[in-house]
PDB file of N, CA and C in Angstrom:
ATOM      1  N   MET A   1      96.886 117.458 118.496  1.00  0.00           N
ATOM      2  CA  MET A   1      96.840 115.849 119.356  1.00  0.00           C
ATOM      3  C   MET A   1      95.904 115.341 117.581  1.00  0.00           C
ATOM      4  N   ARG A   2      94.530 115.976 117.469  1.00  0.00           N
ATOM      5  CA  ARG A   2      93.753 115.114 116.034  1.00  0.00           C
ATOM      6  C   ARG A   2      94.917 115.129 114.842  1.00  0.00           C
ATOM      7  N   ILE A   3      95.761 116.564 114.830  1.00  0.00           N
ATOM      8  CA  ILE A   3      96.704 116.050 113.553  1.00  0.00           C
ATOM      9  C   ILE A   3      97.560 114.999 113.843  1.00  0.00           C
ATOM     10  N   SER A   4      98.183 114.360 114.924  1.00  0.00           N
ATOM     11  CA  SER A   4      98.990 113.197 115.524  1.00  0.00           C
ATOM     12  C   SER A   4      97.827 112.104 115.292  1.00  0.00           C
ATOM     13  N   LEU A   5      96.801 112.438 115.607  1.00  0.00           N
ATOM     14  CA  LEU A   5      96.189 111.134 114.990  1.00  0.00           C
ATOM     15  C   LEU A   5      95.400 110.462 114.366  1.00  0.00           C
ATOM     16  N   ILE A   6      95.804 111.173 113.325  1.00  0.00           N
ATOM     17  CA  ILE A   6      95.519 111.207 111.636  1.00  0.00           C
ATOM     18  C   ILE A   6      97.168 111.306 111.355  1.00  0.00           C
ATOM     19  N   SER A   7      98.573 111.037 112.001  1.00  0.00           N
ATOM     20  CA  SER A   7      98.898 110.787 111.026  1.00  0.00           C
ATOM     21  C   SER A   7      99.425 109.263 111.480  1.00  0.00           C
ATOM     22  N   LEU A   8      98.891 109.076 112.428  1.00  0.00           N
ATOM     23  CA  LEU A   8      99.825 107.760 113.212  1.00  0.00           C
ATOM     24  C   LEU A   8      98.979 106.517 112.516  1.00  0.00           C
ATOM     25  N   ILE A   9      97.476 107.153 112.051  1.00  0.00           N
ATOM     26  CA  ILE A   9      96.681 106.384 111.523  1.00  0.00           C
ATOM     27  C   ILE A   9      97.086 106.242 110.039  1.00  0.00           C
ATOM     28  N   PHE A  10      97.388 107.007 109.363  1.00  0.00           N
ATOM     29  CA  PHE A  10      98.115 106.794 108.032  1.00  0.00           C
ATOM     30  C   PHE A  10      99.546 105.744 108.290  1.00  0.00           C
ATOM     31  N   ILE A  11     100.249 106.295 109.146  1.00  0.00           N
ATOM     32  CA  ILE A  11     102.178 105.657 109.306  1.00  0.00           C
ATOM     33  C   ILE A  11     101.308 104.144 109.018  1.00  0.00           C
ATOM     34  N   ALA A  12     100.268 103.980 110.521  1.00  0.00           N
ATOM     35  CA  ALA A  12     100.056 102.595 110.688  1.00  0.00           C
ATOM     36  C   ALA A  12      99.456 101.770 109.118  1.00  0.00           C
ATOM     37  N   ALA A  13      98.768 102.170 108.306  1.00  0.00           N
ATOM     38  CA  ALA A  13      98.009 102.106 106.842  1.00  0.00           C
ATOM     39  C   ALA A  13      98.896 101.681 106.594  1.00  0.00           C
ATOM     40  N   CYS A  14     100.377 102.380 106.268  1.00  0.00           N
ATOM     41  CA  CYS A  14     101.384 102.385 105.541  1.00  0.00           C
ATOM     42  C   CYS A  14     102.524 100.618 105.735  1.00  0.00           C
ATOM     43  N   SER A  15     102.205 100.555 107.178  1.00  0.00           N
ATOM     44  CA  SER A  15     103.488  99.357 107.826  1.00  0.00           C
ATOM     45  C   SER A  15     103.345  98.189 106.761  1.00  0.00           C
ATOM     46  N   SER A  16     104.574  97.898 106.612  1.00  0.00           N
ATOM     47  CA  SER A  16     105.126  96.260 106.005  1.00  0.00           C
ATOM     48  C   SER A  16     104.549  95.360 105.981  1.00  0.00           C
ATOM     49  N   ASP A  17     103.930  95.318 107.294  1.00  0.00           N
ATOM     50  CA  ASP A  17     103.758  93.826 108.330  1.00  0.00           C
ATOM     51  C   ASP A  17     102.753  93.463 107.971  1.00  0.00           C
ATOM     52  N   ALA A  18     102.097  91.619 108.259  1.00  0.00           N
ATOM     53  CA  ALA A  18     101.569  91.274 107.518  1.00  0.00           C
ATOM     54  C   ALA A  18     100.524  92.038 107.832  1.00  0.00           C
ATOM     55  N   ASN A  19      99.659  92.144 107.131  1.00  0.00           N
ATOM     56  CA  ASN A  19      97.911  92.413 107.361  1.00  0.00           C
ATOM     57  C   ASN A  19      96.707  91.388 106.863  1.00  0.00           C
ATOM     58  N   HIS A  20      95.771  91.695 106.383  1.00  0.00           N
ATOM     59  CA  HIS A  20      94.768  90.847 105.718  1.00  0.00           C
ATOM     60  C   HIS A  20      93.931  92.072 105.197  1.00  0.00           C
ATOM     61  N   ILE A  21      94.277  93.029 104.858  1.00  0.00           N
ATOM     62  CA  ILE A  21      94.142  94.445 103.775  1.00  0.00           C
ATOM     63  C   ILE A  21      95.010  94.073 102.744  1.00  0.00           C
ATOM     64  N   GLY A  22      96.486  94.473 103.350  1.00  0.00           N
ATOM     65  CA  GLY A  22      97.196  95.299 102.812  1.00  0.00           C
ATOM     66  C   GLY A  22      97.374  96.602 102.803  1.00  0.00           C
ATOM     67  N   ASN A  23      97.798  97.732 101.612  1.00  0.00           N
ATOM     68  CA  ASN A  23      98.752  98.857 101.770  1.00  0.00           C
ATOM     69  C   ASN A  23      97.019  99.383 101.480  1.00  0.00           C
ATOM     70  N   PRO A  24      96.079 100.425 102.434  1.00  0.00           N
ATOM     71  CA  PRO A  24      94.918 100.346 101.574  1.00  0.00           C
ATOM     72  C   PRO A  24      94.754 101.445 100.304  1.00  0.00           C
ATOM     73  N   LEU A  25      96.371 102.452 100.007  1.00  0.00           N
ATOM     74  CA  LEU A  25      96.352 103.159  98.904  1.00  0.00           C
ATOM     75  C   LEU A  25      96.385 102.222  97.690  1.00  0.00           C
ATOM     76  N   LEU A  26      96.546 100.572  97.610  1.00  0.00           N
ATOM     77  CA  LEU A  26      96.685 100.182  96.520  1.00  0.00           C
ATOM     78  C   LEU A  26      96.020  99.482  96.192  1.00  0.00           C
ATOM     79  N   LEU A  27      95.411  99.210  97.712  1.00  0.00           N
ATOM     80  CA  LEU A  27      93.749  98.100  96.976  1.00  0.00           C
ATOM     81  C   LEU A  27      93.242  98.717  95.197  1.00  0.00           C
ATOM     82  N   PRO A  28      93.118  99.687  95.108  1.00  0.00           N
ATOM     83  CA  PRO A  28      92.385  99.777  93.018  1.00  0.00           C
ATOM     84  C   PRO A  28      93.651  99.002  92.308  1.00  0.00           C
ATOM     85  N   VAL A  29      93.963  99.062  92.360  1.00  0.00           N
ATOM     86  CA  VAL A  29      95.811  98.943  92.171  1.00  0.00           C
ATOM     87  C   VAL A  29      95.850  97.562  92.009  1.00  0.00           C
ATOM     88  N   ASN A  30      95.490  96.545  93.190  1.00  0.00           N
ATOM     89  CA  ASN A  30      95.307  95.036  93.620  1.00  0.00           C
ATOM     90  C   ASN A  30      94.131  94.252  92.781  1.00  0.00           C
ATOM     91  N   ALA A  31      92.822  95.309  92.947  1.00  0.00           N
ATOM     92  CA  ALA A  31      91.694  95.092  92.666  1.00  0.00           C
ATOM     93  C   ALA A  31      91.805  94.609  90.916  1.00  0.00           C
ATOM     94  N   LEU A  32      92.181  95.709  90.125  1.00  0.00           N
ATOM     95  CA  LEU A  32      92.458  95.878  88.467  1.00  0.00           C
ATOM     96  C   LEU A  32      93.512  94.708  88.609  1.00  0.00           C
ATOM     97  N   THR A  33      95.010  94.384  89.021  1.00  0.00           N
ATOM     98  CA  THR A  33      95.508  93.711  88.820  1.00  0.00           C
ATOM     99  C   THR A  33      94.807  91.806  89.423  1.00  0.00           C
ATOM    100  N   SER A  34      93.836  91.778  89.651  1.00  0.00           N
ATOM    101  CA  SER A  34      93.299  90.673  90.743  1.00  0.00           C
ATOM    102  C   SER A  34      92.451  90.264  89.174  1.00  0.00           C
ATOM    103  N   MET A  35      92.355  91.332  88.713  1.00  0.00           N
ATOM    104  CA  MET A  35      90.419  90.866  87.414  1.00  0.00           C
ATOM    105  C   MET A  35      91.710  90.437  86.427  1.00  0.00           C
ATOM    106  N   THR A  36      92.532  91.703  86.425  1.00  0.00           N
ATOM    107  CA  THR A  36      93.613  90.477  85.296  1.00  0.00           C
ATOM    108  C   THR A  36      94.071  89.371  84.824  1.00  0.00           C
ATOM    109  N   GLU A  37      94.384  88.828  86.352  1.00  0.00           N
ATOM    110  CA  GLU A  37      95.226  87.478  86.906  1.00  0.00           C
ATOM    111  C   GLU A  37      93.926  86.565  85.878  1.00  0.00           C
ATOM    112  N   ASN A  38      93.081  87.168  87.219  1.00  0.00           N
ATOM    113  CA  ASN A  38      91.510  86.108  87.191  1.00  0.00           C
ATOM    114  C   ASN A  38      91.182  85.641  85.559  1.00  0.00           C
ATOM    115  N   ALA A  39      91.250  86.418  84.579  1.00  0.00           N
ATOM    116  CA  ALA A  39      90.828  86.924  83.299  1.00  0.00           C
ATOM    117  C   ALA A  39      91.797  85.622  82.183  1.00  0.00           C
ATOM    118  N   ILE A  40      93.081  85.949  82.819  1.00  0.00           N
ATOM    119  CA  ILE A  40      94.353  84.875  82.259  1.00  0.00           C
ATOM    120  C   ILE A  40      93.979  83.944  82.853  1.00  0.00           C
ATOM    121  N   TYR A  41      94.009  83.177  84.169  1.00  0.00           N
ATOM    122  CA  TYR A  41      93.583  82.193  84.413  1.00  0.00           C
ATOM    123  C   TYR A  41      92.619  80.921  83.923  1.00  0.00           C
ATOM    124  N   THR A  42      91.396  81.970  83.622  1.00  0.00           N
ATOM    125  CA  THR A  42      90.302  81.646  82.975  1.00  0.00           C
ATOM    126  C   THR A  42      90.551  81.121  82.039  1.00  0.00           C
ATOM    127  N   GLN A  43      90.947  82.684  80.905  1.00  0.00           N
ATOM    128  CA  GLN A  43      91.302  81.643  79.623  1.00  0.00           C
ATOM    129  C   GLN A  43      92.426  80.257  79.561  1.00  0.00           C
ATOM    130  N   ARG A  44      92.651  80.122  80.597  1.00  0.00           N
ATOM    131  CA  ARG A  44      93.801  79.742  80.146  1.00  0.00           C
ATOM    132  C   ARG A  44      93.059  77.672  80.862  1.00  0.00           C
ATOM    133  N   ARG A  45      92.893  78.415  81.355  1.00  0.00           N
ATOM    134  CA  ARG A  45      91.563  76.852  82.095  1.00  0.00           C
ATOM    135  C   ARG A  45      90.794  76.921  81.202  1.00  0.00           C
ATOM    136  N   GLY A  46      89.717  77.411  80.656  1.00  0.00           N
ATOM    137  CA  GLY A  46      89.013  76.787  79.155  1.00  0.00           C
ATOM    138  C   GLY A  46      89.921  76.497  78.111  1.00  0.00           C
ATOM    139  N   GLN A  47      90.660  76.681  77.480  1.00  0.00           N
ATOM    140  CA  GLN A  47      91.705  75.886  76.878  1.00  0.00           C
ATOM    141  C   GLN A  47      92.614  74.757  77.167  1.00  0.00           C
ATOM    142  N   VAL A  48      92.801  74.489  78.719  1.00  0.00           N
ATOM    143  CA  VAL A  48      92.707  72.846  79.129  1.00  0.00           C
ATOM    144  C   VAL A  48      92.039  72.520  79.501  1.00  0.00           C
ATOM    145  N   GLU A  49      90.518  72.972  79.414  1.00  0.00           N
ATOM    146  CA  GLU A  49      89.457  71.792  79.723  1.00  0.00           C
ATOM    147  C   GLU A  49      88.994  71.085  78.003  1.00  0.00           C
ATOM    148  N   LEU A  50      88.742  72.867  76.999  1.00  0.00           N
ATOM    149  CA  LEU A  50      88.666  72.496  75.960  1.00  0.00           C
ATOM    150  C   LEU A  50      89.620  70.744  75.767  1.00  0.00           C
ATOM    151  N   ALA A  51      90.961  71.345  76.065  1.00  0.00           N
ATOM    152  CA  ALA A  51      91.852  69.778  75.397  1.00  0.00           C
ATOM    153  C   ALA A  51      91.901  69.109  75.919  1.00  0.00           C
ATOM    154  N   VAL A  52      91.379  68.532  76.935  1.00  0.00           N
ATOM    155  CA  VAL A  52      91.093  67.877  77.761  1.00  0.00           C
ATOM    156  C   VAL A  52      90.068  66.857  77.909  1.00  0.00           C
ATOM    157  N   LYS A  53      88.792  67.873  77.338  1.00  0.00           N
ATOM    158  CA  LYS A  53      87.853  66.832  77.560  1.00  0.00           C
ATOM    159  C   LYS A  53      87.068  66.691  76.278  1.00  0.00           C
ATOM    160  N   SER A  54      87.815  67.655  74.650  1.00  0.00           N
ATOM    161  CA  SER A  54      87.719  66.695  73.479  1.00  0.00           C
ATOM    162  C   SER A  54      88.781  65.949  73.091  1.00  0.00           C
ATOM    163  N   THR A  55      89.915  65.184  73.447  1.00  0.00           N
ATOM    164  CA  THR A  55      90.227  63.713  73.190  1.00  0.00           C
ATOM    165  C   THR A  55      90.770  63.202  75.111  1.00  0.00           C
ATOM    166  N   PHE A  56      89.602  63.206  75.978  1.00  0.00           N
ATOM    167  CA  PHE A  56      90.263  62.729  76.858  1.00  0.00           C
ATOM    168  C   PHE A  56      90.137  61.369  76.482  1.00  0.00           C
ATOM    169  N   ASP A  57      89.674  60.544  75.847  1.00  0.00           N
ATOM    170  CA  ASP A  57      89.338  59.507  75.175  1.00  0.00           C
ATOM    171  C   ASP A  57      90.974  58.813  75.054  1.00  0.00           C
ATOM    172  N   GLN A  58      91.764  59.948  74.376  1.00  0.00           N
ATOM    173  CA  GLN A  58      92.919  58.933  74.056  1.00  0.00           C
ATOM    174  C   GLN A  58      93.673  59.722  75.394  1.00  0.00           C
ATOM    175  N   ILE A  59      93.667  60.116  76.073  1.00  0.00           N
ATOM    176  CA  ILE A  59      94.531  60.907  76.926  1.00  0.00           C
ATOM    177  C   ILE A  59      94.732  59.898  78.568  1.00  0.00           C
ATOM    178  N   ILE A  60      93.886  59.300  78.424  1.00  0.00           N
ATOM    179  CA  ILE A  60      94.031  58.557  79.840  1.00  0.00           C
ATOM    180  C   ILE A  60      95.265  57.483  79.415  1.00  0.00           C
ATOM    181  N   PRO A  61      95.019  56.508  77.757  1.00  0.00           N
ATOM    182  CA  PRO A  61      95.761  55.653  76.765  1.00  0.00           C
ATOM    183  C   PRO A  61      97.430  56.244  76.902  1.00  0.00           C
ATOM    184  N   GLU A  62      97.041  57.877  76.420  1.00  0.00           N
ATOM    185  CA  GLU A  62      98.940  58.028  77.109  1.00  0.00           C
ATOM    186  C   GLU A  62      99.260  58.221  78.021  1.00  0.00           C
ATOM    187  N   ILE A  63      98.165  58.835  79.159  1.00  0.00           N
ATOM    188  CA  ILE A  63      99.107  58.942  80.278  1.00  0.00           C
ATOM    189  C   ILE A  63     100.019  57.720  80.697  1.00  0.00           C
ATOM    190  N   ASN A  64      99.224  56.894  80.288  1.00  0.00           N
ATOM    191  CA  ASN A  64      99.056  55.697  80.997  1.00  0.00           C
ATOM    192  C   ASN A  64     100.280  55.007  79.769  1.00  0.00           C
ATOM    193  N   SER A  65     100.216  54.933  78.953  1.00  0.00           N
ATOM    194  CA  SER A  65     101.495  54.526  78.208  1.00  0.00           C
ATOM    195  C   SER A  65     103.123  55.908  78.275  1.00  0.00           C
ATOM    196  N   GLY A  66     102.727  56.455  78.570  1.00  0.00           N
ATOM    197  CA  GLY A  66     103.848  57.285  79.198  1.00  0.00           C
ATOM    198  C   GLY A  66     104.346  59.187  78.267  1.00  0.00           C
ATOM    199  N   GLY A  67     102.981  59.480  77.932  1.00  0.00           N
ATOM    200  CA  GLY A  67     102.856  61.145  76.491  1.00  0.00           C
ATOM    201  C   GLY A  67     102.284  60.320  75.056  1.00  0.00           C
ATOM    202  N   GLY A  68     102.351  61.198  75.010  1.00  0.00           N
ATOM    203  CA  GLY A  68     101.480  60.899  72.987  1.00  0.00           C
ATOM    204  C   GLY A  68     100.488  62.632  72.738  1.00  0.00           C
ATOM    205  N   PRO A  69      99.853  62.901  71.952  1.00  0.00           N
ATOM    206  CA  PRO A  69      99.475  63.932  71.536  1.00  0.00           C
ATOM    207  C   PRO A  69      98.333  65.358  72.384  1.00  0.00           C
ATOM    208  N   ALA A  70      97.469  64.263  72.680  1.00  0.00           N
ATOM    209  CA  ALA A  70      96.380  64.339  73.246  1.00  0.00           C
ATOM    210  C   ALA A  70      97.242  65.206  75.126  1.00  0.00           C
ATOM    211  N   ILE A  71      97.388  64.827  75.433  1.00  0.00           N
ATOM    212  CA  ILE A  71      98.258  64.553  76.670  1.00  0.00           C
ATOM    213  C   ILE A  71      99.336  65.532  76.846  1.00  0.00           C
ATOM    214  N   SER A  72     100.311  66.145  75.763  1.00  0.00           N
ATOM    215  CA  SER A  72     100.960  67.369  75.450  1.00  0.00           C
ATOM    216  C   SER A  72     100.202  67.956  75.185  1.00  0.00           C
ATOM    217  N   THR A  73      99.283  67.910  73.963  1.00  0.00           N
ATOM    218  CA  THR A  73      98.681  69.397  73.916  1.00  0.00           C
ATOM    219  C   THR A  73      98.192  70.006  75.569  1.00  0.00           C
ATOM    220  N   ALA A  74      97.429  68.721  76.026  1.00  0.00           N
ATOM    221  CA  ALA A  74      96.237  69.784  77.390  1.00  0.00           C
ATOM    222  C   ALA A  74      97.586  69.952  78.380  1.00  0.00           C
ATOM    223  N   MET A  75      99.117  69.820  78.478  1.00  0.00           N
ATOM    224  CA  MET A  75      99.821  69.976  79.531  1.00  0.00           C
ATOM    225  C   MET A  75     100.829  71.352  78.455  1.00  0.00           C
ATOM    226  N   GLU A  76     101.125  71.276  77.300  1.00  0.00           N
ATOM    227  CA  GLU A  76     101.277  73.111  76.147  1.00  0.00           C
ATOM    228  C   GLU A  76     100.227  74.070  77.137  1.00  0.00           C
ATOM    229  N   ALA A  77      98.679  73.817  76.920  1.00  0.00           N
ATOM    230  CA  ALA A  77      97.778  74.516  77.387  1.00  0.00           C
ATOM    231  C   ALA A  77      97.890  74.815  78.779  1.00  0.00           C
ATOM    232  N   ALA A  78      98.453  74.463  79.503  1.00  0.00           N
ATOM    233  CA  ALA A  78      98.351  74.385  80.884  1.00  0.00           C
ATOM    234  C   ALA A  78      99.914  74.610  81.536  1.00  0.00           C
ATOM    235  N   GLY A  79     100.913  74.905  80.217  1.00  0.00           N
ATOM    236  CA  GLY A  79     101.908  76.017  80.745  1.00  0.00           C
ATOM    237  C   GLY A  79     102.744  75.503  81.514  1.00  0.00           C
ATOM    238  N   ILE A  80     102.652  74.093  81.356  1.00  0.00           N
ATOM    239  CA  ILE A  80     103.361  72.664  81.762  1.00  0.00           C
ATOM    240  C   ILE A  80     104.829  72.567  80.644  1.00  0.00           C
ATOM    241  N   PRO A  81     106.059  73.201  82.115  1.00  0.00           N
ATOM    242  CA  PRO A  81     106.815  72.941  81.028  1.00  0.00           C
ATOM    243  C   PRO A  81     107.633  71.645  80.414  1.00  0.00           C
ATOM    244  N   LEU A  82     108.683  71.753  78.983  1.00  0.00           N
ATOM    245  CA  LEU A  82     109.204  70.656  79.005  1.00  0.00           C
ATOM    246  C   LEU A  82     110.634  69.301  79.663  1.00  0.00           C
ATOM    247  N   ALA A  83     110.946  70.272  80.680  1.00  0.00           N
ATOM    248  CA  ALA A  83     111.196  69.452  81.619  1.00  0.00           C
ATOM    249  C   ALA A  83     110.532  69.707  82.386  1.00  0.00           C
ATOM    250  N   GLU A  84     109.691  68.865  82.460  1.00  0.00           N
ATOM    251  CA  GLU A  84     108.912  68.925  83.898  1.00  0.00           C
ATOM    252  C   GLU A  84     107.563  67.249  83.286  1.00  0.00           C
ATOM    253  N   ARG A  85     108.238  67.510  82.179  1.00  0.00           N
ATOM    254  CA  ARG A  85     106.528  66.521  81.259  1.00  0.00           C
ATOM    255  C   ARG A  85     106.843  65.347  81.759  1.00  0.00           C
ATOM    256  N   PRO A  86     107.595  64.788  82.006  1.00  0.00           N
ATOM    257  CA  PRO A  86     107.948  63.412  81.889  1.00  0.00           C
ATOM    258  C   PRO A  86     107.714  62.922  83.285  1.00  0.00           C
ATOM    259  N   ALA A  87     108.322  63.762  84.471  1.00  0.00           N
ATOM    260  CA  ALA A  87     107.918  64.010  85.956  1.00  0.00           C
ATOM    261  C   ALA A  87     106.277  63.358  86.207  1.00  0.00           C
ATOM    262  N   ARG A  88     105.620  64.769  86.120  1.00  0.00           N
ATOM    263  CA  ARG A  88     104.069  65.108  85.557  1.00  0.00           C
ATOM    264  C   ARG A  88     103.224  63.951  84.668  1.00  0.00           C
ATOM    265  N   LEU A  89     104.082  63.113  84.148  1.00  0.00           N
ATOM    266  CA  LEU A  89     103.727  61.862  83.809  1.00  0.00           C
ATOM    267  C   LEU A  89     103.252  60.822  84.544  1.00  0.00           C
ATOM    268  N   THR A  90     104.476  61.206  84.998  1.00  0.00           N
ATOM    269  CA  THR A  90     104.898  59.903  86.471  1.00  0.00           C
ATOM    270  C   THR A  90     103.463  59.832  87.218  1.00  0.00           C
ATOM    271  N   GLN A  91     103.949  60.987  87.739  1.00  0.00           N
ATOM    272  CA  GLN A  91     102.881  61.703  88.999  1.00  0.00           C
ATOM    273  C   GLN A  91     101.225  61.133  88.819  1.00  0.00           C
ATOM    274  N   LEU A  92     100.636  61.687  87.230  1.00  0.00           N
ATOM    275  CA  LEU A  92      99.462  61.070  87.109  1.00  0.00           C
ATOM    276  C   LEU A  92      99.128  59.972  87.349  1.00  0.00           C
ATOM    277  N   ARG A  93      99.787  59.356  86.170  1.00  0.00           N
ATOM    278  CA  ARG A  93     100.068  57.827  86.202  1.00  0.00           C
ATOM    279  C   ARG A  93      99.876  57.210  87.820  1.00  0.00           C
ATOM    280  N   GLY A  94     100.159  57.217  88.442  1.00  0.00           N
ATOM    281  CA  GLY A  94     100.156  57.413  89.932  1.00  0.00           C
ATOM    282  C   GLY A  94      99.164  57.272  89.848  1.00  0.00           C
ATOM    283  N   ASP A  95      98.130  58.418  89.956  1.00  0.00           N
ATOM    284  CA  ASP A  95      96.917  58.640  90.018  1.00  0.00           C
ATOM    285  C   ASP A  95      96.011  58.842  89.343  1.00  0.00           C
ATOM    286  N   ILE A  96      96.019  57.647  88.046  1.00  0.00           N
ATOM    287  CA  ILE A  96      95.926  57.358  87.101  1.00  0.00           C
ATOM    288  C   ILE A  96      93.213  57.303  87.878  1.00  0.00           C
ATOM    289  N   GLY A  97      93.339  56.381  88.684  1.00  0.00           N
ATOM    290  CA  GLY A  97      92.275  56.234  89.697  1.00  0.00           C
ATOM    291  C   GLY A  97      91.595  57.170  90.119  1.00  0.00           C
ATOM    292  N   LEU A  98      92.218  58.445  89.997  1.00  0.00           N
ATOM    293  CA  LEU A  98      91.197  59.799  89.952  1.00  0.00           C
ATOM    294  C   LEU A  98      91.153  60.389  88.356  1.00  0.00           C
ATOM    295  N   TYR A  99      91.756  60.110  88.005  1.00  0.00           N
ATOM    296  CA  TYR A  99      91.109  60.970  87.025  1.00  0.00           C
ATOM    297  C   TYR A  99      90.226  59.620  85.409  1.00  0.00           C
ATOM    298  N   ASP A 100      90.522  59.220  85.476  1.00  0.00           N
ATOM    299  CA  ASP A 100      90.626  58.101  84.706  1.00  0.00           C
ATOM    300  C   ASP A 100      88.487  58.137  84.221  1.00  0.00           C
ATOM    301  N   ALA A 101      87.685  58.675  85.104  1.00  0.00           N
ATOM    302  CA  ALA A 101      86.996  58.510  85.252  1.00  0.00           C
ATOM    303  C   ALA A 101      85.766  59.665  85.518  1.00  0.00           C
ATOM    304  N   ASN A 102      87.290  60.901  85.043  1.00  0.00           N
ATOM    305  CA  ASN A 102      86.706  62.694  85.889  1.00  0.00           C
ATOM    306  C   ASN A 102      87.408  63.723  85.107  1.00  0.00           C
ATOM    307  N   PRO A 103      87.114  63.934  83.780  1.00  0.00           N
ATOM    308  CA  PRO A 103      88.269  65.002  83.496  1.00  0.00           C
ATOM    309  C   PRO A 103      88.831  65.774  83.806  1.00  0.00           C
ATOM    310  N   GLY A 104      87.474  66.464  85.013  1.00  0.00           N
ATOM    311  CA  GLY A 104      87.655  67.142  85.432  1.00  0.00           C
ATOM    312  C   GLY A 104      88.789  67.893  86.569  1.00  0.00           C
ATOM    313  N   ALA A 105      88.511  66.386  87.191  1.00  0.00           N
ATOM    314  CA  ALA A 105      90.460  66.049  88.218  1.00  0.00           C
ATOM    315  C   ALA A 105      91.157  66.554  88.095  1.00  0.00           C
ATOM    316  N   LEU A 106      91.172  66.041  85.970  1.00  0.00           N
ATOM    317  CA  LEU A 106      92.948  65.715  85.183  1.00  0.00           C
ATOM    318  C   LEU A 106      93.086  67.148  84.780  1.00  0.00           C
ATOM    319  N   VAL A 107      91.970  68.476  84.547  1.00  0.00           N
ATOM    320  CA  VAL A 107      92.162  69.487  84.404  1.00  0.00           C
ATOM    321  C   VAL A 107      92.502  69.969  85.580  1.00  0.00           C
ATOM    322  N   THR A 108      92.371  70.533  86.831  1.00  0.00           N
ATOM    323  CA  THR A 108      92.892  70.980  88.345  1.00  0.00           C
ATOM    324  C   THR A 108      94.009  70.036  88.018  1.00  0.00           C
ATOM    325  N   ALA A 109      94.539  69.335  87.689  1.00  0.00           N
ATOM    326  CA  ALA A 109      95.848  68.400  87.913  1.00  0.00           C
ATOM    327  C   ALA A 109      97.160  69.807  87.191  1.00  0.00           C
ATOM    328  N   LEU A 110      96.417  69.357  85.766  1.00  0.00           N
ATOM    329  CA  LEU A 110      97.428  70.216  85.073  1.00  0.00           C
ATOM    330  C   LEU A 110      97.186  71.678  85.710  1.00  0.00           C
ATOM    331  N   MET A 111      96.064  72.054  86.008  1.00  0.00           N
ATOM    332  CA  MET A 111      96.139  73.698  86.330  1.00  0.00           C
ATOM    333  C   MET A 111      97.475  73.591  87.619  1.00  0.00           C
ATOM    334  N   VAL A 112      97.626  72.663  88.738  1.00  0.00           N
ATOM    335  CA  VAL A 112      98.447  72.721  89.579  1.00  0.00           C
ATOM    336  C   VAL A 112      99.465  73.164  88.799  1.00  0.00           C
ATOM    337  N   TYR A 113      99.560  72.209  87.816  1.00  0.00           N
ATOM    338  CA  TYR A 113     101.144  71.972  87.370  1.00  0.00           C
ATOM    339  C   TYR A 113     102.159  72.727  86.531  1.00  0.00           C
ATOM    340  N   GLY A 114     100.776  73.380  86.302  1.00  0.00           N
ATOM    341  CA  GLY A 114     101.456  74.425  85.043  1.00  0.00           C
ATOM    342  C   GLY A 114     101.713  76.019  85.716  1.00  0.00           C
ATOM    343  N   SER A 115     102.714  76.396  85.087  1.00  0.00           N
ATOM    344  CA  SER A 115     103.160  76.932  85.387  1.00  0.00           C
ATOM    345  C   SER A 115     103.212  78.845  85.480  1.00  0.00           C
ATOM    346  N   ASN A 116     101.749  78.740  84.010  1.00  0.00           N
ATOM    347  CA  ASN A 116     101.477  80.078  83.971  1.00  0.00           C
ATOM    348  C   ASN A 116     101.209  81.386  84.505  1.00  0.00           C
TER     349      ASN A 116
END
């Protein structure tokens, strides 16, 4: 009986159905993967913040005019593919009121558009 119960618990733990914990045997691996992904994201976000905040006075006019070196550098840091940049500039221009005085909002938008 006891062996059956323990076996049932292990079989249930390895279920492929959706749950909030996942496979308990993979928790250490998932923790390491999550830490690595967070570190990569934080580094990329730092690069985007530096690109945006150091040239913010040039970026807003470049968004309004359809592009330029400062916004291109920020988009490159965010990992936005070249083919998507014209559409993203149009989206940014449409929401320019959000970004006009808020570089943090622009950084967040670029990170959302980025693919890395």
